[in-house]
Amino acid sequence: MATILLVEDEFVIAFGSRMILEDEGFAVLVAANGEAGLAEALASGPDLIVTDYMMPRMNGLEMIRQLRDHGVRTPIVLATSIPERQVPKDPPPQYDAYLGKPYGDAGLLDVVRRLLAAL
């Protein structure tokens, strides 16, 4: 089964999302901020990344930009409570899917399955 890197600074969201994904058979790695997420993604090469946008140390968009600059083409989901139309567009964001918070089990699993099926 696929390995998913979950980058989320809110413990309750990270714990709940991890449980949802593990219950579906995915291996889940967790990082608590963008800086840790960048390091984990480069070290472990997950099949998919789900990241929050607003986090300490490095936000999700900056983490995504640095991953892409390192040549990482792993599918990335940006999960945030900010409406997608308000996500900064300069430079253009390089995520593959948007997931609005709060999201439920079905929303998370739908986007994860869709992106993994496209690999």
PDB file of N, CA and C in Angstrom:
ATOM      1  N   MET A   1       0.851  -1.183   0.000  1.00  0.00           N
ATOM      2  CA  MET A   1       0.000   0.000   0.000  1.00  0.00           C
ATOM      3  C   MET A   1       0.889   1.236   0.000  1.00  0.00           C
ATOM      4  N   ALA A   2       0.318   2.348  -0.390  1.00  0.00           N
ATOM      5  CA  ALA A   2       1.051   3.599  -0.539  1.00  0.00           C
ATOM      6  C   ALA A   2       1.429   4.211   0.808  1.00  0.00           C
ATOM      7  N   THR A   3       2.515   4.985   0.779  1.00  0.00           N
ATOM      8  CA  THR A   3       2.946   5.747   1.948  1.00  0.00           C
ATOM      9  C   THR A   3       2.553   7.197   1.748  1.00  0.00           C
ATOM     10  N   ILE A   4       1.899   7.766   2.756  1.00  0.00           N
ATOM     11  CA  ILE A   4       1.435   9.150   2.710  1.00  0.00           C
ATOM     12  C   ILE A   4       2.150   9.937   3.792  1.00  0.00           C
ATOM     13  N   LEU A   5       2.686  11.098   3.409  1.00  0.00           N
ATOM     14  CA  LEU A   5       3.272  12.027   4.367  1.00  0.00           C
ATOM     15  C   LEU A   5       2.214  13.063   4.700  1.00  0.00           C
ATOM     16  N   LEU A   6       1.864  13.177   5.966  1.00  0.00           N
ATOM     17  CA  LEU A   6       0.893  14.140   6.452  1.00  0.00           C
ATOM     18  C   LEU A   6       1.657  15.236   7.186  1.00  0.00           C
ATOM     19  N   VAL A   7       1.570  16.460   6.682  1.00  0.00           N
ATOM     20  CA  VAL A   7       2.272  17.589   7.295  1.00  0.00           C
ATOM     21  C   VAL A   7       1.203  18.496   7.906  1.00  0.00           C
ATOM     22  N   GLU A   8       1.114  18.476   9.215  1.00  0.00           N
ATOM     23  CA  GLU A   8       0.019  19.159   9.926  1.00  0.00           C
ATOM     24  C   GLU A   8       0.483  19.545  11.322  1.00  0.00           C
ATOM     25  N   ASP A   9       0.308  20.833  11.674  1.00  0.00           N
ATOM     26  CA  ASP A   9       0.767  21.301  12.978  1.00  0.00           C
ATOM     27  C   ASP A   9      -0.279  21.156  14.082  1.00  0.00           C
ATOM     28  N   GLU A  10      -1.531  20.924  13.737  1.00  0.00           N
ATOM     29  CA  GLU A  10      -2.571  20.748  14.756  1.00  0.00           C
ATOM     30  C   GLU A  10      -2.678  19.262  15.100  1.00  0.00           C
ATOM     31  N   PHE A  11      -2.325  18.943  16.346  1.00  0.00           N
ATOM     32  CA  PHE A  11      -2.243  17.546  16.772  1.00  0.00           C
ATOM     33  C   PHE A  11      -3.541  16.778  16.532  1.00  0.00           C
ATOM     34  N   VAL A  12      -4.665  17.363  16.872  1.00  0.00           N
ATOM     35  CA  VAL A  12      -5.944  16.653  16.752  1.00  0.00           C
ATOM     36  C   VAL A  12      -6.236  16.316  15.293  1.00  0.00           C
ATOM     37  N   ILE A  13      -5.970  17.254  14.390  1.00  0.00           N
ATOM     38  CA  ILE A  13      -6.193  17.002  12.961  1.00  0.00           C
ATOM     39  C   ILE A  13      -5.216  15.942  12.462  1.00  0.00           C
ATOM     40  N   ALA A  14      -3.960  16.063  12.854  1.00  0.00           N
ATOM     41  CA  ALA A  14      -2.952  15.084  12.424  1.00  0.00           C
ATOM     42  C   ALA A  14      -3.310  13.687  12.926  1.00  0.00           C
ATOM     43  N   PHE A  15      -3.717  13.586  14.185  1.00  0.00           N
ATOM     44  CA  PHE A  15      -4.060  12.291  14.762  1.00  0.00           C
ATOM     45  C   PHE A  15      -5.274  11.685  14.059  1.00  0.00           C
ATOM     46  N   GLY A  16      -6.323  12.478  13.888  1.00  0.00           N
ATOM     47  CA  GLY A  16      -7.529  11.983  13.242  1.00  0.00           C
ATOM     48  C   GLY A  16      -7.288  11.574  11.797  1.00  0.00           C
ATOM     49  N   SER A  17      -6.559  12.402  11.053  1.00  0.00           N
ATOM     50  CA  SER A  17      -6.274  12.086   9.649  1.00  0.00           C
ATOM     51  C   SER A  17      -5.404  10.844   9.537  1.00  0.00           C
ATOM     52  N   ARG A  18      -4.454  10.729  10.425  1.00  0.00           N
ATOM     53  CA  ARG A  18      -3.599   9.542  10.420  1.00  0.00           C
ATOM     54  C   ARG A  18      -4.418   8.277  10.646  1.00  0.00           C
ATOM     55  N   MET A  19      -5.348   8.334  11.597  1.00  0.00           N
ATOM     56  CA  MET A  19      -6.178   7.167  11.907  1.00  0.00           C
ATOM     57  C   MET A  19      -7.047   6.796  10.694  1.00  0.00           C
ATOM     58  N   ILE A  20      -7.635   7.797  10.043  1.00  0.00           N
ATOM     59  CA  ILE A  20      -8.471   7.556   8.859  1.00  0.00           C
ATOM     60  C   ILE A  20      -7.651   6.848   7.786  1.00  0.00           C
ATOM     61  N   LEU A  21      -6.469   7.365   7.513  1.00  0.00           N
ATOM     62  CA  LEU A  21      -5.627   6.809   6.453  1.00  0.00           C
ATOM     63  C   LEU A  21      -5.099   5.420   6.813  1.00  0.00           C
ATOM     64  N   GLU A  22      -4.666   5.239   8.052  1.00  0.00           N
ATOM     65  CA  GLU A  22      -4.164   3.926   8.467  1.00  0.00           C
ATOM     66  C   GLU A  22      -5.274   2.878   8.461  1.00  0.00           C
ATOM     67  N   ASP A  23      -6.488   3.283   8.829  1.00  0.00           N
ATOM     68  CA  ASP A  23      -7.616   2.339   8.801  1.00  0.00           C
ATOM     69  C   ASP A  23      -7.898   1.849   7.382  1.00  0.00           C
ATOM     70  N   GLU A  24      -7.501   2.623   6.388  1.00  0.00           N
ATOM     71  CA  GLU A  24      -7.685   2.233   4.988  1.00  0.00           C
ATOM     72  C   GLU A  24      -6.478   1.474   4.446  1.00  0.00           C
ATOM     73  N   GLY A  25      -5.479   1.244   5.308  1.00  0.00           N
ATOM     74  CA  GLY A  25      -4.326   0.446   4.910  1.00  0.00           C
ATOM     75  C   GLY A  25      -3.117   1.223   4.433  1.00  0.00           C
ATOM     76  N   PHE A  26      -3.169   2.547   4.494  1.00  0.00           N
ATOM     77  CA  PHE A  26      -2.025   3.346   4.076  1.00  0.00           C
ATOM     78  C   PHE A  26      -0.980   3.415   5.193  1.00  0.00           C
ATOM     79  N   ALA A  27       0.284   3.463   4.814  1.00  0.00           N
ATOM     80  CA  ALA A  27       1.347   3.765   5.770  1.00  0.00           C
ATOM     81  C   ALA A  27       1.402   5.293   5.861  1.00  0.00           C
ATOM     82  N   VAL A  28       1.480   5.831   7.071  1.00  0.00           N
ATOM     83  CA  VAL A  28       1.417   7.278   7.253  1.00  0.00           C
ATOM     84  C   VAL A  28       2.619   7.763   8.056  1.00  0.00           C
ATOM     85  N   LEU A  29       3.288   8.761   7.496  1.00  0.00           N
ATOM     86  CA  LEU A  29       4.356   9.480   8.187  1.00  0.00           C
ATOM     87  C   LEU A  29       3.781  10.844   8.554  1.00  0.00           C
ATOM     88  N   VAL A  30       4.173  11.395   9.691  1.00  0.00           N
ATOM     89  CA  VAL A  30       3.635  12.683  10.124  1.00  0.00           C
ATOM     90  C   VAL A  30       4.774  13.639  10.436  1.00  0.00           C
ATOM     91  N   ALA A  31       4.616  14.888   9.973  1.00  0.00           N
ATOM     92  CA  ALA A  31       5.549  15.964  10.298  1.00  0.00           C
ATOM     93  C   ALA A  31       4.722  17.134  10.826  1.00  0.00           C
ATOM     94  N   ALA A  32       5.246  17.846  11.826  1.00  0.00           N
ATOM     95  CA  ALA A  32       4.479  18.877  12.522  1.00  0.00           C
ATOM     96  C   ALA A  32       4.623  20.281  11.950  1.00  0.00           C
ATOM     97  N   ASN A  33       5.449  20.462  10.928  1.00  0.00           N
ATOM     98  CA  ASN A  33       5.574  21.777  10.295  1.00  0.00           C
ATOM     99  C   ASN A  33       6.214  21.603   8.918  1.00  0.00           C
ATOM    100  N   GLY A  34       6.223  22.672   8.143  1.00  0.00           N
ATOM    101  CA  GLY A  34       6.744  22.586   6.784  1.00  0.00           C
ATOM    102  C   GLY A  34       8.220  22.239   6.708  1.00  0.00           C
ATOM    103  N   GLU A  35       8.994  22.735   7.650  1.00  0.00           N
ATOM    104  CA  GLU A  35      10.426  22.437   7.662  1.00  0.00           C
ATOM    105  C   GLU A  35      10.660  20.943   7.872  1.00  0.00           C
ATOM    106  N   ALA A  36       9.964  20.368   8.851  1.00  0.00           N
ATOM    107  CA  ALA A  36      10.072  18.927   9.110  1.00  0.00           C
ATOM    108  C   ALA A  36       9.485  18.128   7.951  1.00  0.00           C
ATOM    109  N   GLY A  37       8.407  18.635   7.351  1.00  0.00           N
ATOM    110  CA  GLY A  37       7.798  17.964   6.207  1.00  0.00           C
ATOM    111  C   GLY A  37       8.726  17.910   5.013  1.00  0.00           C
ATOM    112  N   LEU A  38       9.428  19.005   4.751  1.00  0.00           N
ATOM    113  CA  LEU A  38      10.395  19.047   3.657  1.00  0.00           C
ATOM    114  C   LEU A  38      11.481  17.998   3.875  1.00  0.00           C
ATOM    115  N   ALA A  39      12.036  17.973   5.077  1.00  0.00           N
ATOM    116  CA  ALA A  39      13.100  17.009   5.380  1.00  0.00           C
ATOM    117  C   ALA A  39      12.590  15.570   5.250  1.00  0.00           C
ATOM    118  N   GLU A  40      11.391  15.293   5.770  1.00  0.00           N
ATOM    119  CA  GLU A  40      10.843  13.943   5.709  1.00  0.00           C
ATOM    120  C   GLU A  40      10.546  13.530   4.269  1.00  0.00           C
ATOM    121  N   ALA A  41       9.998  14.430   3.491  1.00  0.00           N
ATOM    122  CA  ALA A  41       9.687  14.106   2.094  1.00  0.00           C
ATOM    123  C   ALA A  41      10.951  13.796   1.311  1.00  0.00           C
ATOM    124  N   LEU A  42      11.993  14.577   1.516  1.00  0.00           N
ATOM    125  CA  LEU A  42      13.245  14.347   0.802  1.00  0.00           C
ATOM    126  C   LEU A  42      13.913  13.052   1.261  1.00  0.00           C
ATOM    127  N   ALA A  43      13.771  12.717   2.541  1.00  0.00           N
ATOM    128  CA  ALA A  43      14.409  11.517   3.081  1.00  0.00           C
ATOM    129  C   ALA A  43      13.650  10.234   2.741  1.00  0.00           C
ATOM    130  N   SER A  44      12.313  10.292   2.765  1.00  0.00           N
ATOM    131  CA  SER A  44      11.538   9.059   2.649  1.00  0.00           C
ATOM    132  C   SER A  44      10.875   8.839   1.298  1.00  0.00           C
ATOM    133  N   GLY A  45      10.707   9.880   0.507  1.00  0.00           N
ATOM    134  CA  GLY A  45      10.089   9.717  -0.808  1.00  0.00           C
ATOM    135  C   GLY A  45       8.696   9.114  -0.763  1.00  0.00           C
ATOM    136  N   PRO A  46       7.735   9.745  -0.053  1.00  0.00           N
ATOM    137  CA  PRO A  46       6.390   9.187   0.039  1.00  0.00           C
ATOM    138  C   PRO A  46       5.694   9.169  -1.326  1.00  0.00           C
ATOM    139  N   ASP A  47       4.624   8.394  -1.412  1.00  0.00           N
ATOM    140  CA  ASP A  47       3.844   8.316  -2.644  1.00  0.00           C
ATOM    141  C   ASP A  47       2.918   9.510  -2.811  1.00  0.00           C
ATOM    142  N   LEU A  48       2.558  10.156  -1.703  1.00  0.00           N
ATOM    143  CA  LEU A  48       1.626  11.277  -1.704  1.00  0.00           C
ATOM    144  C   LEU A  48       1.897  12.124  -0.471  1.00  0.00           C
ATOM    145  N   ILE A  49       1.676  13.427  -0.592  1.00  0.00           N
ATOM    146  CA  ILE A  49       1.840  14.342   0.541  1.00  0.00           C
ATOM    147  C   ILE A  49       0.536  15.100   0.727  1.00  0.00           C
ATOM    148  N   VAL A  50       0.067  15.165   1.980  1.00  0.00           N
ATOM    149  CA  VAL A  50      -1.070  16.012   2.349  1.00  0.00           C
ATOM    150  C   VAL A  50      -0.515  17.037   3.323  1.00  0.00           C
ATOM    151  N   THR A  51      -0.619  18.322   2.972  1.00  0.00           N
ATOM    152  CA  THR A  51      -0.042  19.350   3.828  1.00  0.00           C
ATOM    153  C   THR A  51      -1.013  20.468   4.147  1.00  0.00           C
ATOM    154  N   ASP A  52      -0.909  20.938   5.362  1.00  0.00           N
ATOM    155  CA  ASP A  52      -1.606  22.142   5.788  1.00  0.00           C
ATOM    156  C   ASP A  52      -0.912  23.328   5.111  1.00  0.00           C
ATOM    157  N   TYR A  53      -1.574  24.461   5.075  1.00  0.00           N
ATOM    158  CA  TYR A  53      -0.967  25.670   4.521  1.00  0.00           C
ATOM    159  C   TYR A  53      -0.314  26.487   5.637  1.00  0.00           C
ATOM    160  N   MET A  54      -1.088  26.894   6.631  1.00  0.00           N
ATOM    161  CA  MET A  54      -0.579  27.791   7.659  1.00  0.00           C
ATOM    162  C   MET A  54       0.018  26.983   8.809  1.00  0.00           C
ATOM    163  N   MET A  55       1.363  27.002   8.871  1.00  0.00           N
ATOM    164  CA  MET A  55       2.100  26.257   9.898  1.00  0.00           C
ATOM    165  C   MET A  55       3.298  27.080  10.340  1.00  0.00           C
ATOM    166  N   PRO A  56       3.821  26.793  11.525  1.00  0.00           N
ATOM    167  CA  PRO A  56       5.042  27.471  11.966  1.00  0.00           C
ATOM    168  C   PRO A  56       6.268  26.958  11.204  1.00  0.00           C
ATOM    169  N   ARG A  57       7.321  27.727  11.253  1.00  0.00           N
ATOM    170  CA  ARG A  57       8.637  27.402  10.712  1.00  0.00           C
ATOM    171  C   ARG A  57       8.700  27.469   9.199  1.00  0.00           C
ATOM    172  N   MET A  58       7.708  26.947   8.498  1.00  0.00           N
ATOM    173  CA  MET A  58       7.620  27.041   7.045  1.00  0.00           C
ATOM    174  C   MET A  58       6.193  26.680   6.668  1.00  0.00           C
ATOM    175  N   ASN A  59       5.537  27.553   5.891  1.00  0.00           N
ATOM    176  CA  ASN A  59       4.157  27.224   5.523  1.00  0.00           C
ATOM    177  C   ASN A  59       4.125  26.177   4.407  1.00  0.00           C
ATOM    178  N   GLY A  60       2.948  25.639   4.169  1.00  0.00           N
ATOM    179  CA  GLY A  60       2.793  24.566   3.204  1.00  0.00           C
ATOM    180  C   GLY A  60       3.160  24.953   1.784  1.00  0.00           C
ATOM    181  N   LEU A  61       2.816  26.176   1.366  1.00  0.00           N
ATOM    182  CA  LEU A  61       3.149  26.594  -0.003  1.00  0.00           C
ATOM    183  C   LEU A  61       4.652  26.711  -0.200  1.00  0.00           C
ATOM    184  N   GLU A  62       5.347  27.211   0.803  1.00  0.00           N
ATOM    185  CA  GLU A  62       6.813  27.302   0.705  1.00  0.00           C
ATOM    186  C   GLU A  62       7.430  25.909   0.689  1.00  0.00           C
ATOM    187  N   MET A  63       6.903  25.004   1.513  1.00  0.00           N
ATOM    188  CA  MET A  63       7.401  23.633   1.501  1.00  0.00           C
ATOM    189  C   MET A  63       7.208  23.010   0.117  1.00  0.00           C
ATOM    190  N   ILE A  64       6.027  23.204  -0.462  1.00  0.00           N
ATOM    191  CA  ILE A  64       5.750  22.666  -1.796  1.00  0.00           C
ATOM    192  C   ILE A  64       6.721  23.250  -2.810  1.00  0.00           C
ATOM    193  N   ARG A  65       6.932  24.567  -2.758  1.00  0.00           N
ATOM    194  CA  ARG A  65       7.848  25.212  -3.702  1.00  0.00           C
ATOM    195  C   ARG A  65       9.249  24.615  -3.594  1.00  0.00           C
ATOM    196  N   GLN A  66       9.718  24.414  -2.359  1.00  0.00           N
ATOM    197  CA  GLN A  66      11.063  23.860  -2.183  1.00  0.00           C
ATOM    198  C   GLN A  66      11.136  22.405  -2.656  1.00  0.00           C
ATOM    199  N   LEU A  67      10.077  21.646  -2.409  1.00  0.00           N
ATOM    200  CA  LEU A  67      10.053  20.263  -2.910  1.00  0.00           C
ATOM    201  C   LEU A  67      10.144  20.248  -4.433  1.00  0.00           C
ATOM    202  N   ARG A  68       9.351  21.078  -5.082  1.00  0.00           N
ATOM    203  CA  ARG A  68       9.366  21.136  -6.550  1.00  0.00           C
ATOM    204  C   ARG A  68      10.731  21.603  -7.051  1.00  0.00           C
ATOM    205  N   ASP A  69      11.352  22.564  -6.342  1.00  0.00           N
ATOM    206  CA  ASP A  69      12.699  23.028  -6.717  1.00  0.00           C
ATOM    207  C   ASP A  69      13.731  21.905  -6.598  1.00  0.00           C
ATOM    208  N   HIS A  70      13.483  20.948  -5.697  1.00  0.00           N
ATOM    209  CA  HIS A  70      14.364  19.778  -5.542  1.00  0.00           C
ATOM    210  C   HIS A  70      14.019  18.678  -6.542  1.00  0.00           C
ATOM    211  N   GLY A  71      13.050  18.932  -7.416  1.00  0.00           N
ATOM    212  CA  GLY A  71      12.686  17.947  -8.428  1.00  0.00           C
ATOM    213  C   GLY A  71      11.671  16.914  -7.971  1.00  0.00           C
ATOM    214  N   VAL A  72      11.073  17.107  -6.798  1.00  0.00           N
ATOM    215  CA  VAL A  72      10.084  16.164  -6.287  1.00  0.00           C
ATOM    216  C   VAL A  72       8.778  16.363  -7.052  1.00  0.00           C
ATOM    217  N   ARG A  73       8.274  15.308  -7.661  1.00  0.00           N
ATOM    218  CA  ARG A  73       7.037  15.365  -8.453  1.00  0.00           C
ATOM    219  C   ARG A  73       5.903  14.580  -7.797  1.00  0.00           C
ATOM    220  N   THR A  74       6.087  14.222  -6.551  1.00  0.00           N
ATOM    221  CA  THR A  74       5.069  13.522  -5.769  1.00  0.00           C
ATOM    222  C   THR A  74       3.778  14.349  -5.766  1.00  0.00           C
ATOM    223  N   PRO A  75       2.616  13.714  -5.932  1.00  0.00           N
ATOM    224  CA  PRO A  75       1.360  14.463  -5.828  1.00  0.00           C
ATOM    225  C   PRO A  75       1.207  15.064  -4.428  1.00  0.00           C
ATOM    226  N   ILE A  76       0.712  16.303  -4.391  1.00  0.00           N
ATOM    227  CA  ILE A  76       0.565  17.021  -3.123  1.00  0.00           C
ATOM    228  C   ILE A  76      -0.844  17.591  -3.013  1.00  0.00           C
ATOM    229  N   VAL A  77      -1.453  17.376  -1.843  1.00  0.00           N
ATOM    230  CA  VAL A  77      -2.758  17.939  -1.507  1.00  0.00           C
ATOM    231  C   VAL A  77      -2.533  19.077  -0.530  1.00  0.00           C
ATOM    232  N   LEU A  78      -3.063  20.259  -0.836  1.00  0.00           N
ATOM    233  CA  LEU A  78      -3.038  21.376   0.096  1.00  0.00           C
ATOM    234  C   LEU A  78      -4.355  21.374   0.855  1.00  0.00           C
ATOM    235  N   ALA A  79      -4.292  21.179   2.168  1.00  0.00           N
ATOM    236  CA  ALA A  79      -5.482  21.150   3.020  1.00  0.00           C
ATOM    237  C   ALA A  79      -5.471  22.397   3.893  1.00  0.00           C
ATOM    238  N   THR A  80      -6.512  23.223   3.770  1.00  0.00           N
ATOM    239  CA  THR A  80      -6.542  24.467   4.527  1.00  0.00           C
ATOM    240  C   THR A  80      -7.964  24.971   4.686  1.00  0.00           C
ATOM    241  N   SER A  81      -8.159  25.785   5.711  1.00  0.00           N
ATOM    242  CA  SER A  81      -9.468  26.399   5.917  1.00  0.00           C
ATOM    243  C   SER A  81      -9.619  27.665   5.078  1.00  0.00           C
ATOM    244  N   ILE A  82      -8.550  28.108   4.464  1.00  0.00           N
ATOM    245  CA  ILE A  82      -8.607  29.279   3.581  1.00  0.00           C
ATOM    246  C   ILE A  82      -9.252  28.851   2.268  1.00  0.00           C
ATOM    247  N   PRO A  83     -10.281  29.565   1.804  1.00  0.00           N
ATOM    248  CA  PRO A  83     -10.876  29.219   0.513  1.00  0.00           C
ATOM    249  C   PRO A  83      -9.822  29.222  -0.592  1.00  0.00           C
ATOM    250  N   GLU A  84      -9.926  28.288  -1.513  1.00  0.00           N
ATOM    251  CA  GLU A  84      -8.899  28.152  -2.543  1.00  0.00           C
ATOM    252  C   GLU A  84      -8.689  29.448  -3.325  1.00  0.00           C
ATOM    253  N   ARG A  85      -9.744  30.190  -3.550  1.00  0.00           N
ATOM    254  CA  ARG A  85      -9.601  31.447  -4.306  1.00  0.00           C
ATOM    255  C   ARG A  85      -8.738  32.470  -3.562  1.00  0.00           C
ATOM    256  N   GLN A  86      -8.535  32.277  -2.251  1.00  0.00           N
ATOM    257  CA  GLN A  86      -7.726  33.191  -1.458  1.00  0.00           C
ATOM    258  C   GLN A  86      -6.311  32.676  -1.202  1.00  0.00           C
ATOM    259  N   VAL A  87      -6.000  31.495  -1.689  1.00  0.00           N
ATOM    260  CA  VAL A  87      -4.637  30.975  -1.564  1.00  0.00           C
ATOM    261  C   VAL A  87      -3.749  31.824  -2.468  1.00  0.00           C
ATOM    262  N   PRO A  88      -2.624  32.336  -1.949  1.00  0.00           N
ATOM    263  CA  PRO A  88      -1.755  33.184  -2.771  1.00  0.00           C
ATOM    264  C   PRO A  88      -1.381  32.517  -4.094  1.00  0.00           C
ATOM    265  N   LYS A  89      -1.408  33.300  -5.159  1.00  0.00           N
ATOM    266  CA  LYS A  89      -1.143  32.778  -6.501  1.00  0.00           C
ATOM    267  C   LYS A  89       0.175  33.295  -7.092  1.00  0.00           C
ATOM    268  N   ASP A  90       0.971  33.978  -6.290  1.00  0.00           N
ATOM    269  CA  ASP A  90       2.227  34.525  -6.781  1.00  0.00           C
ATOM    270  C   ASP A  90       3.358  34.106  -5.855  1.00  0.00           C
ATOM    271  N   PRO A  91       4.206  33.174  -6.259  1.00  0.00           N
ATOM    272  CA  PRO A  91       4.182  32.484  -7.551  1.00  0.00           C
ATOM    273  C   PRO A  91       3.031  31.481  -7.594  1.00  0.00           C
ATOM    274  N   PRO A  92       2.679  30.999  -8.773  1.00  0.00           N
ATOM    275  CA  PRO A  92       1.573  30.047  -8.870  1.00  0.00           C
ATOM    276  C   PRO A  92       1.825  28.827  -7.985  1.00  0.00           C
ATOM    277  N   PRO A  93       0.824  28.448  -7.192  1.00  0.00           N
ATOM    278  CA  PRO A  93       1.002  27.278  -6.323  1.00  0.00           C
ATOM    279  C   PRO A  93       1.181  26.007  -7.150  1.00  0.00           C
ATOM    280  N   GLN A  94       1.933  25.078  -6.588  1.00  0.00           N
ATOM    281  CA  GLN A  94       2.292  23.869  -7.331  1.00  0.00           C
ATOM    282  C   GLN A  94       1.728  22.601  -6.687  1.00  0.00           C
ATOM    283  N   TYR A  95       0.568  22.718  -6.058  1.00  0.00           N
ATOM    284  CA  TYR A  95      -0.065  21.531  -5.486  1.00  0.00           C
ATOM    285  C   TYR A  95      -0.985  20.902  -6.535  1.00  0.00           C
ATOM    286  N   ASP A  96      -1.342  19.648  -6.302  1.00  0.00           N
ATOM    287  CA  ASP A  96      -2.145  18.899  -7.274  1.00  0.00           C
ATOM    288  C   ASP A  96      -3.628  18.857  -6.941  1.00  0.00           C
ATOM    289  N   ALA A  97      -3.978  19.082  -5.682  1.00  0.00           N
ATOM    290  CA  ALA A  97      -5.384  19.079  -5.273  1.00  0.00           C
ATOM    291  C   ALA A  97      -5.527  19.951  -4.034  1.00  0.00           C
ATOM    292  N   TYR A  98      -6.710  20.505  -3.893  1.00  0.00           N
ATOM    293  CA  TYR A  98      -7.065  21.340  -2.751  1.00  0.00           C
ATOM    294  C   TYR A  98      -8.111  20.595  -1.928  1.00  0.00           C
ATOM    295  N   LEU A  99      -7.977  20.651  -0.599  1.00  0.00           N
ATOM    296  CA  LEU A  99      -8.938  20.027   0.302  1.00  0.00           C
ATOM    297  C   LEU A  99      -9.284  21.039   1.382  1.00  0.00           C
ATOM    298  N   GLY A 100     -10.543  21.503   1.385  1.00  0.00           N
ATOM    299  CA  GLY A 100     -10.965  22.490   2.368  1.00  0.00           C
ATOM    300  C   GLY A 100     -11.161  21.886   3.746  1.00  0.00           C
ATOM    301  N   LYS A 101     -10.722  22.621   4.754  1.00  0.00           N
ATOM    302  CA  LYS A 101     -10.921  22.222   6.149  1.00  0.00           C
ATOM    303  C   LYS A 101     -12.162  22.925   6.677  1.00  0.00           C
ATOM    304  N   PRO A 102     -12.920  22.307   7.533  1.00  0.00           N
ATOM    305  CA  PRO A 102     -12.716  20.951   8.018  1.00  0.00           C
ATOM    306  C   PRO A 102     -13.155  19.942   6.957  1.00  0.00           C
ATOM    307  N   TYR A 103     -12.417  18.879   6.861  1.00  0.00           N
ATOM    308  CA  TYR A 103     -12.772  17.827   5.908  1.00  0.00           C
ATOM    309  C   TYR A 103     -13.149  16.571   6.695  1.00  0.00           C
ATOM    310  N   GLY A 104     -13.975  15.766   6.097  1.00  0.00           N
ATOM    311  CA  GLY A 104     -14.388  14.516   6.722  1.00  0.00           C
ATOM    312  C   GLY A 104     -13.613  13.351   6.146  1.00  0.00           C
ATOM    313  N   ASP A 105     -13.915  12.185   6.657  1.00  0.00           N
ATOM    314  CA  ASP A 105     -13.256  10.954   6.205  1.00  0.00           C
ATOM    315  C   ASP A 105     -13.363  10.803   4.690  1.00  0.00           C
ATOM    316  N   ALA A 106     -14.584  10.945   4.170  1.00  0.00           N
ATOM    317  CA  ALA A 106     -14.822  10.719   2.744  1.00  0.00           C
ATOM    318  C   ALA A 106     -14.050  11.714   1.881  1.00  0.00           C
ATOM    319  N   GLY A 107     -14.023  12.975   2.287  1.00  0.00           N
ATOM    320  CA  GLY A 107     -13.302  13.985   1.511  1.00  0.00           C
ATOM    321  C   GLY A 107     -11.816  13.690   1.422  1.00  0.00           C
ATOM    322  N   LEU A 108     -11.213  13.343   2.549  1.00  0.00           N
ATOM    323  CA  LEU A 108      -9.791  13.013   2.576  1.00  0.00           C
ATOM    324  C   LEU A 108      -9.505  11.779   1.730  1.00  0.00           C
ATOM    325  N   LEU A 109     -10.281  10.732   1.941  1.00  0.00           N
ATOM    326  CA  LEU A 109     -10.037   9.486   1.212  1.00  0.00           C
ATOM    327  C   LEU A 109     -10.294   9.633  -0.284  1.00  0.00           C
ATOM    328  N   ASP A 110     -11.291  10.415  -0.660  1.00  0.00           N
ATOM    329  CA  ASP A 110     -11.572  10.622  -2.086  1.00  0.00           C
ATOM    330  C   ASP A 110     -10.393  11.263  -2.801  1.00  0.00           C
ATOM    331  N   VAL A 111      -9.843  12.326  -2.229  1.00  0.00           N
ATOM    332  CA  VAL A 111      -8.742  13.019  -2.908  1.00  0.00           C
ATOM    333  C   VAL A 111      -7.480  12.167  -2.907  1.00  0.00           C
ATOM    334  N   VAL A 112      -7.225  11.445  -1.834  1.00  0.00           N
ATOM    335  CA  VAL A 112      -6.053  10.573  -1.767  1.00  0.00           C
ATOM    336  C   VAL A 112      -6.159   9.465  -2.806  1.00  0.00           C
ATOM    337  N   ARG A 113      -7.290   8.810  -2.855  1.00  0.00           N
ATOM    338  CA  ARG A 113      -7.478   7.720  -3.838  1.00  0.00           C
ATOM    339  C   ARG A 113      -7.395   8.218  -5.267  1.00  0.00           C
ATOM    340  N   ARG A 114      -7.986   9.372  -5.536  1.00  0.00           N
ATOM    341  CA  ARG A 114      -7.968   9.921  -6.893  1.00  0.00           C
ATOM    342  C   ARG A 114      -6.534  10.205  -7.351  1.00  0.00           C
ATOM    343  N   LEU A 115      -5.747  10.828  -6.494  1.00  0.00           N
ATOM    344  CA  LEU A 115      -4.366  11.159  -6.876  1.00  0.00           C
ATOM    345  C   LEU A 115      -3.504   9.906  -6.996  1.00  0.00           C
ATOM    346  N   LEU A 116      -3.685   8.963  -6.092  1.00  0.00           N
ATOM    347  CA  LEU A 116      -2.884   7.733  -6.163  1.00  0.00           C
ATOM    348  C   LEU A 116      -3.267   6.904  -7.391  1.00  0.00           C
ATOM    349  N   ALA A 117      -4.523   6.919  -7.785  1.00  0.00           N
ATOM    350  CA  ALA A 117      -4.960   6.168  -8.964  1.00  0.00           C
ATOM    351  C   ALA A 117      -4.349   6.726 -10.241  1.00  0.00           C
ATOM    352  N   ALA A 118      -3.988   8.010 -10.215  1.00  0.00           N
ATOM    353  CA  ALA A 118      -3.416   8.649 -11.402  1.00  0.00           C
ATOM    354  C   ALA A 118      -1.928   8.367 -11.562  1.00  0.00           C
ATOM    355  N   LEU A 119      -1.315   7.737 -10.568  1.00  0.00           N
ATOM    356  CA  LEU A 119       0.137   7.457 -10.639  1.00  0.00           C
ATOM    357  C   LEU A 119       0.431   6.340 -11.633  1.00  0.00           C
TER     358      LEU A 119
END
